[in-house]
């Protein structure tokens, strides 16, 4: 990851930090029954893709929230939409949620 200058590592660390903060916000919304917005999901997925490209690990909270969202979306009625997605359990990342086979 990078040329050894430390800058790419610092940037990925910031992506991991921000993704964790957003995942915590999504988790809180789920716990108090508030909607989870498509923009929040898109931002988490984008951060996860960037971390994958850089071969950086997903923070545990990001992995858990994305896994739960993927499961909820896969099991949701297509007419329901994304807002108000409720979470479930988590075992690991759902790579096909990120558009991968």
N, C-alpha and C. Protein backbone atom coordinates (compact mmCIF):
# COMPACT_ATOMS: atom_id res chain seq x y z
N UNK A 1 0.83 -1.17 0.00
CA UNK A 1 0.00 0.00 0.00
C UNK A 1 0.88 1.24 0.00
N UNK A 2 1.15 1.78 -1.13
CA UNK A 2 1.92 3.01 -1.22
C UNK A 2 3.39 2.77 -1.44
N UNK A 3 4.14 3.86 -1.40
CA UNK A 3 5.57 3.81 -1.69
C UNK A 3 6.44 3.86 -0.44
N UNK A 4 5.84 3.68 0.71
CA UNK A 4 6.62 3.70 1.94
C UNK A 4 6.71 5.07 2.58
N UNK A 5 6.12 6.10 1.96
CA UNK A 5 6.20 7.45 2.51
C UNK A 5 5.29 7.64 3.72
N UNK A 6 4.33 6.74 3.90
CA UNK A 6 3.41 6.87 5.03
C UNK A 6 2.14 7.61 4.69
N UNK A 7 2.14 8.42 3.64
CA UNK A 7 0.95 9.19 3.28
C UNK A 7 -0.23 8.30 2.90
N UNK A 8 -0.04 7.29 2.03
CA UNK A 8 -1.19 6.43 1.72
C UNK A 8 -1.73 5.71 2.95
N UNK A 9 -0.84 5.28 3.84
CA UNK A 9 -1.29 4.61 5.06
C UNK A 9 -2.11 5.56 5.92
N UNK A 10 -1.69 6.80 6.01
CA UNK A 10 -2.42 7.79 6.80
C UNK A 10 -3.78 8.06 6.18
N UNK A 11 -3.84 8.09 4.85
CA UNK A 11 -5.12 8.34 4.18
C UNK A 11 -6.07 7.18 4.38
N UNK A 12 -5.58 5.96 4.28
CA UNK A 12 -6.43 4.79 4.50
C UNK A 12 -6.87 4.74 5.96
N UNK A 13 -5.99 5.10 6.88
CA UNK A 13 -6.37 5.13 8.29
C UNK A 13 -7.51 6.13 8.51
N UNK A 14 -7.46 7.25 7.81
CA UNK A 14 -8.54 8.25 7.91
C UNK A 14 -9.83 7.71 7.31
N UNK A 15 -9.74 7.00 6.19
CA UNK A 15 -10.92 6.36 5.60
C UNK A 15 -11.51 5.36 6.60
N UNK A 16 -10.66 4.56 7.22
CA UNK A 16 -11.13 3.59 8.21
C UNK A 16 -11.80 4.29 9.39
N UNK A 17 -11.22 5.37 9.84
CA UNK A 17 -11.79 6.12 10.98
C UNK A 17 -13.15 6.69 10.62
N UNK A 18 -13.24 7.33 9.45
CA UNK A 18 -14.50 7.94 9.04
C UNK A 18 -15.57 6.89 8.77
N UNK A 19 -15.17 5.77 8.16
CA UNK A 19 -16.12 4.69 7.90
C UNK A 19 -16.64 4.11 9.21
N UNK A 20 -15.78 4.00 10.20
CA UNK A 20 -16.20 3.50 11.51
C UNK A 20 -17.20 4.46 12.14
N UNK A 21 -16.94 5.76 12.04
CA UNK A 21 -17.86 6.76 12.60
C UNK A 21 -19.22 6.69 11.91
N UNK A 22 -19.21 6.54 10.59
CA UNK A 22 -20.47 6.44 9.85
C UNK A 22 -21.20 5.14 10.19
N UNK A 23 -20.46 4.06 10.31
CA UNK A 23 -21.07 2.78 10.68
C UNK A 23 -21.70 2.87 12.07
N UNK A 24 -21.06 3.56 12.99
CA UNK A 24 -21.62 3.75 14.33
C UNK A 24 -22.91 4.57 14.27
N UNK A 25 -22.93 5.56 13.40
CA UNK A 25 -24.13 6.38 13.23
C UNK A 25 -25.28 5.54 12.66
N UNK A 26 -24.96 4.69 11.68
CA UNK A 26 -25.96 3.79 11.09
C UNK A 26 -26.47 2.83 12.16
N UNK A 27 -25.56 2.27 12.94
CA UNK A 27 -25.93 1.34 14.01
C UNK A 27 -26.88 2.03 15.00
N UNK A 28 -26.56 3.25 15.37
CA UNK A 28 -27.42 4.00 16.29
C UNK A 28 -28.81 4.20 15.68
N UNK A 29 -28.86 4.58 14.41
CA UNK A 29 -30.15 4.77 13.74
C UNK A 29 -30.97 3.48 13.78
N UNK A 30 -30.32 2.35 13.55
CA UNK A 30 -31.01 1.06 13.61
C UNK A 30 -31.55 0.80 15.01
N UNK A 31 -30.76 1.09 16.02
CA UNK A 31 -31.16 0.80 17.40
C UNK A 31 -32.34 1.64 17.86
N UNK A 32 -32.41 2.89 17.41
CA UNK A 32 -33.49 3.77 17.86
C UNK A 32 -34.64 3.84 16.85
N UNK A 33 -34.57 3.02 15.81
CA UNK A 33 -35.67 2.94 14.85
C UNK A 33 -35.73 4.07 13.84
N UNK A 34 -34.62 4.73 13.62
CA UNK A 34 -34.58 5.79 12.61
C UNK A 34 -34.19 5.18 11.27
N UNK A 35 -34.50 5.88 10.17
CA UNK A 35 -34.16 5.33 8.85
C UNK A 35 -32.66 5.35 8.59
N UNK A 36 -32.23 4.39 7.78
CA UNK A 36 -30.86 4.35 7.26
C UNK A 36 -30.98 4.77 5.81
N UNK A 37 -30.29 5.83 5.45
CA UNK A 37 -30.44 6.41 4.12
C UNK A 37 -29.50 5.79 3.10
N UNK A 38 -29.93 5.81 1.86
CA UNK A 38 -29.15 5.25 0.76
C UNK A 38 -27.77 5.90 0.67
N UNK A 39 -27.69 7.20 0.92
CA UNK A 39 -26.39 7.89 0.86
C UNK A 39 -25.42 7.35 1.91
N UNK A 40 -25.93 6.98 3.08
CA UNK A 40 -25.07 6.41 4.12
C UNK A 40 -24.55 5.04 3.68
N UNK A 41 -25.43 4.24 3.11
CA UNK A 41 -25.03 2.92 2.64
C UNK A 41 -24.01 3.06 1.52
N UNK A 42 -24.27 3.96 0.58
CA UNK A 42 -23.34 4.17 -0.54
C UNK A 42 -21.97 4.61 -0.05
N UNK A 43 -21.94 5.49 0.95
CA UNK A 43 -20.66 5.95 1.49
C UNK A 43 -19.90 4.81 2.15
N UNK A 44 -20.60 3.96 2.90
CA UNK A 44 -19.93 2.82 3.54
C UNK A 44 -19.41 1.83 2.50
N UNK A 45 -20.22 1.58 1.48
CA UNK A 45 -19.79 0.65 0.42
C UNK A 45 -18.59 1.23 -0.32
N UNK A 46 -18.61 2.52 -0.62
CA UNK A 46 -17.48 3.15 -1.29
C UNK A 46 -16.20 3.07 -0.46
N UNK A 47 -16.33 3.30 0.84
CA UNK A 47 -15.17 3.19 1.72
C UNK A 47 -14.66 1.75 1.76
N UNK A 48 -15.57 0.79 1.81
CA UNK A 48 -15.17 -0.62 1.84
C UNK A 48 -14.46 -1.01 0.55
N UNK A 49 -14.95 -0.51 -0.57
CA UNK A 49 -14.28 -0.79 -1.85
C UNK A 49 -12.87 -0.21 -1.87
N UNK A 50 -12.73 1.01 -1.38
CA UNK A 50 -11.41 1.64 -1.34
C UNK A 50 -10.47 0.84 -0.44
N UNK A 51 -10.97 0.41 0.71
CA UNK A 51 -10.13 -0.39 1.60
C UNK A 51 -9.74 -1.71 0.93
N UNK A 52 -10.67 -2.32 0.21
CA UNK A 52 -10.35 -3.55 -0.52
C UNK A 52 -9.27 -3.30 -1.57
N UNK A 53 -9.40 -2.21 -2.32
CA UNK A 53 -8.41 -1.87 -3.36
C UNK A 53 -7.02 -1.69 -2.75
N UNK A 54 -6.97 -1.12 -1.57
CA UNK A 54 -5.70 -0.86 -0.89
C UNK A 54 -5.27 -2.02 0.00
N UNK A 55 -6.03 -3.10 -0.03
CA UNK A 55 -5.77 -4.29 0.79
C UNK A 55 -5.69 -3.95 2.28
N UNK A 56 -6.53 -3.01 2.68
CA UNK A 56 -6.61 -2.62 4.09
C UNK A 56 -7.81 -3.33 4.72
N UNK A 57 -7.69 -3.74 5.96
CA UNK A 57 -8.81 -4.43 6.60
C UNK A 57 -9.97 -3.47 6.88
N UNK A 58 -11.17 -4.04 6.84
CA UNK A 58 -12.34 -3.27 7.23
C UNK A 58 -12.37 -3.21 8.75
N UNK A 59 -12.64 -2.06 9.33
CA UNK A 59 -12.84 -2.00 10.78
C UNK A 59 -14.03 -2.90 11.16
N UNK A 60 -13.98 -3.52 12.33
CA UNK A 60 -15.05 -4.45 12.72
C UNK A 60 -16.46 -3.86 12.64
N UNK A 61 -16.63 -2.61 13.06
CA UNK A 61 -17.97 -1.99 13.03
C UNK A 61 -18.46 -1.86 11.59
N UNK A 62 -17.57 -1.51 10.67
CA UNK A 62 -17.93 -1.37 9.26
C UNK A 62 -18.36 -2.72 8.71
N UNK A 63 -17.59 -3.74 8.99
CA UNK A 63 -17.91 -5.09 8.53
C UNK A 63 -19.26 -5.54 9.06
N UNK A 64 -19.49 -5.32 10.34
CA UNK A 64 -20.74 -5.75 10.97
C UNK A 64 -21.95 -5.03 10.36
N UNK A 65 -21.85 -3.72 10.23
CA UNK A 65 -22.98 -2.94 9.71
C UNK A 65 -23.25 -3.27 8.25
N UNK A 66 -22.21 -3.37 7.42
CA UNK A 66 -22.42 -3.71 6.01
C UNK A 66 -23.01 -5.11 5.86
N UNK A 67 -22.56 -6.04 6.67
CA UNK A 67 -23.11 -7.40 6.61
C UNK A 67 -24.59 -7.39 6.97
N UNK A 68 -24.94 -6.67 8.03
CA UNK A 68 -26.34 -6.60 8.44
C UNK A 68 -27.19 -5.90 7.39
N UNK A 69 -26.69 -4.82 6.82
CA UNK A 69 -27.44 -4.12 5.79
C UNK A 69 -27.64 -5.00 4.56
N UNK A 70 -26.61 -5.73 4.18
CA UNK A 70 -26.73 -6.63 3.03
C UNK A 70 -27.79 -7.68 3.28
N UNK A 71 -27.78 -8.25 4.45
CA UNK A 71 -28.79 -9.27 4.79
C UNK A 71 -30.19 -8.68 4.80
N UNK A 72 -30.32 -7.48 5.36
CA UNK A 72 -31.64 -6.84 5.42
C UNK A 72 -32.15 -6.49 4.03
N UNK A 73 -31.25 -6.00 3.18
CA UNK A 73 -31.66 -5.63 1.82
C UNK A 73 -32.01 -6.87 1.01
N UNK A 74 -31.23 -7.93 1.16
CA UNK A 74 -31.51 -9.17 0.43
C UNK A 74 -32.85 -9.76 0.84
N UNK A 75 -33.24 -9.59 2.10
CA UNK A 75 -34.49 -10.16 2.57
C UNK A 75 -35.66 -9.19 2.53
N UNK A 76 -35.42 -7.95 2.09
CA UNK A 76 -36.47 -6.93 2.09
C UNK A 76 -37.38 -7.08 0.88
N UNK A 77 -38.60 -6.62 1.05
CA UNK A 77 -39.55 -6.53 -0.06
C UNK A 77 -39.03 -5.45 -1.00
N UNK A 78 -38.89 -5.73 -2.31
CA UNK A 78 -38.36 -4.73 -3.24
C UNK A 78 -39.14 -3.42 -3.22
N UNK A 79 -40.41 -3.44 -2.86
CA UNK A 79 -41.21 -2.22 -2.83
C UNK A 79 -40.90 -1.36 -1.61
N UNK A 80 -40.22 -1.92 -0.60
CA UNK A 80 -39.94 -1.18 0.63
C UNK A 80 -38.91 -0.08 0.45
N UNK A 81 -37.93 -0.26 -0.40
CA UNK A 81 -36.86 0.72 -0.55
C UNK A 81 -35.80 0.53 0.50
N UNK A 82 -34.88 1.49 0.61
CA UNK A 82 -33.73 1.37 1.50
C UNK A 82 -33.99 2.01 2.85
N UNK A 83 -34.72 3.12 2.90
CA UNK A 83 -34.94 3.79 4.18
C UNK A 83 -35.60 2.85 5.17
N UNK A 84 -35.16 2.92 6.42
CA UNK A 84 -35.75 2.12 7.47
C UNK A 84 -35.23 0.70 7.54
N UNK A 85 -34.09 0.42 6.94
CA UNK A 85 -33.51 -0.92 6.97
C UNK A 85 -33.19 -1.27 8.42
N UNK A 86 -33.58 -2.46 8.85
CA UNK A 86 -33.29 -2.93 10.20
C UNK A 86 -32.15 -3.92 10.14
N UNK A 87 -31.32 -3.97 11.19
CA UNK A 87 -30.16 -4.87 11.21
C UNK A 87 -30.48 -6.21 11.81
N UNK A 88 -29.56 -7.18 11.59
CA UNK A 88 -29.68 -8.52 12.15
C UNK A 88 -28.37 -8.89 12.82
N UNK A 89 -27.83 -10.12 12.56
CA UNK A 89 -26.56 -10.56 13.11
C UNK A 89 -25.44 -10.34 12.11
N UNK A 90 -24.20 -10.71 12.50
CA UNK A 90 -23.08 -10.53 11.59
C UNK A 90 -22.07 -11.65 11.76
N UNK A 91 -21.67 -12.22 10.64
CA UNK A 91 -20.63 -13.25 10.66
C UNK A 91 -19.42 -12.86 9.84
N UNK A 92 -19.58 -12.03 8.81
CA UNK A 92 -18.48 -11.65 7.95
C UNK A 92 -18.96 -10.77 6.84
N UNK A 93 -18.05 -10.22 6.02
CA UNK A 93 -18.45 -9.29 4.96
C UNK A 93 -19.22 -10.00 3.86
N UNK A 94 -20.17 -9.29 3.29
CA UNK A 94 -20.94 -9.79 2.16
C UNK A 94 -20.33 -9.16 0.90
N UNK A 95 -19.39 -9.84 0.28
CA UNK A 95 -18.69 -9.27 -0.86
C UNK A 95 -19.61 -9.01 -2.03
N UNK A 96 -20.67 -9.83 -2.23
CA UNK A 96 -21.55 -9.58 -3.36
C UNK A 96 -22.36 -8.31 -3.15
N UNK A 97 -22.50 -7.82 -1.91
CA UNK A 97 -23.15 -6.55 -1.64
C UNK A 97 -22.35 -5.41 -2.26
N UNK A 98 -21.07 -5.60 -2.41
CA UNK A 98 -20.20 -4.58 -2.98
C UNK A 98 -20.13 -4.67 -4.49
N UNK A 99 -20.94 -5.53 -5.09
CA UNK A 99 -20.94 -5.65 -6.53
C UNK A 99 -19.93 -6.64 -7.05
N UNK A 100 -19.38 -7.46 -6.16
CA UNK A 100 -18.41 -8.46 -6.58
C UNK A 100 -19.11 -9.80 -6.67
N UNK A 101 -18.63 -10.71 -7.53
CA UNK A 101 -19.29 -12.02 -7.69
C UNK A 101 -19.23 -12.87 -6.45
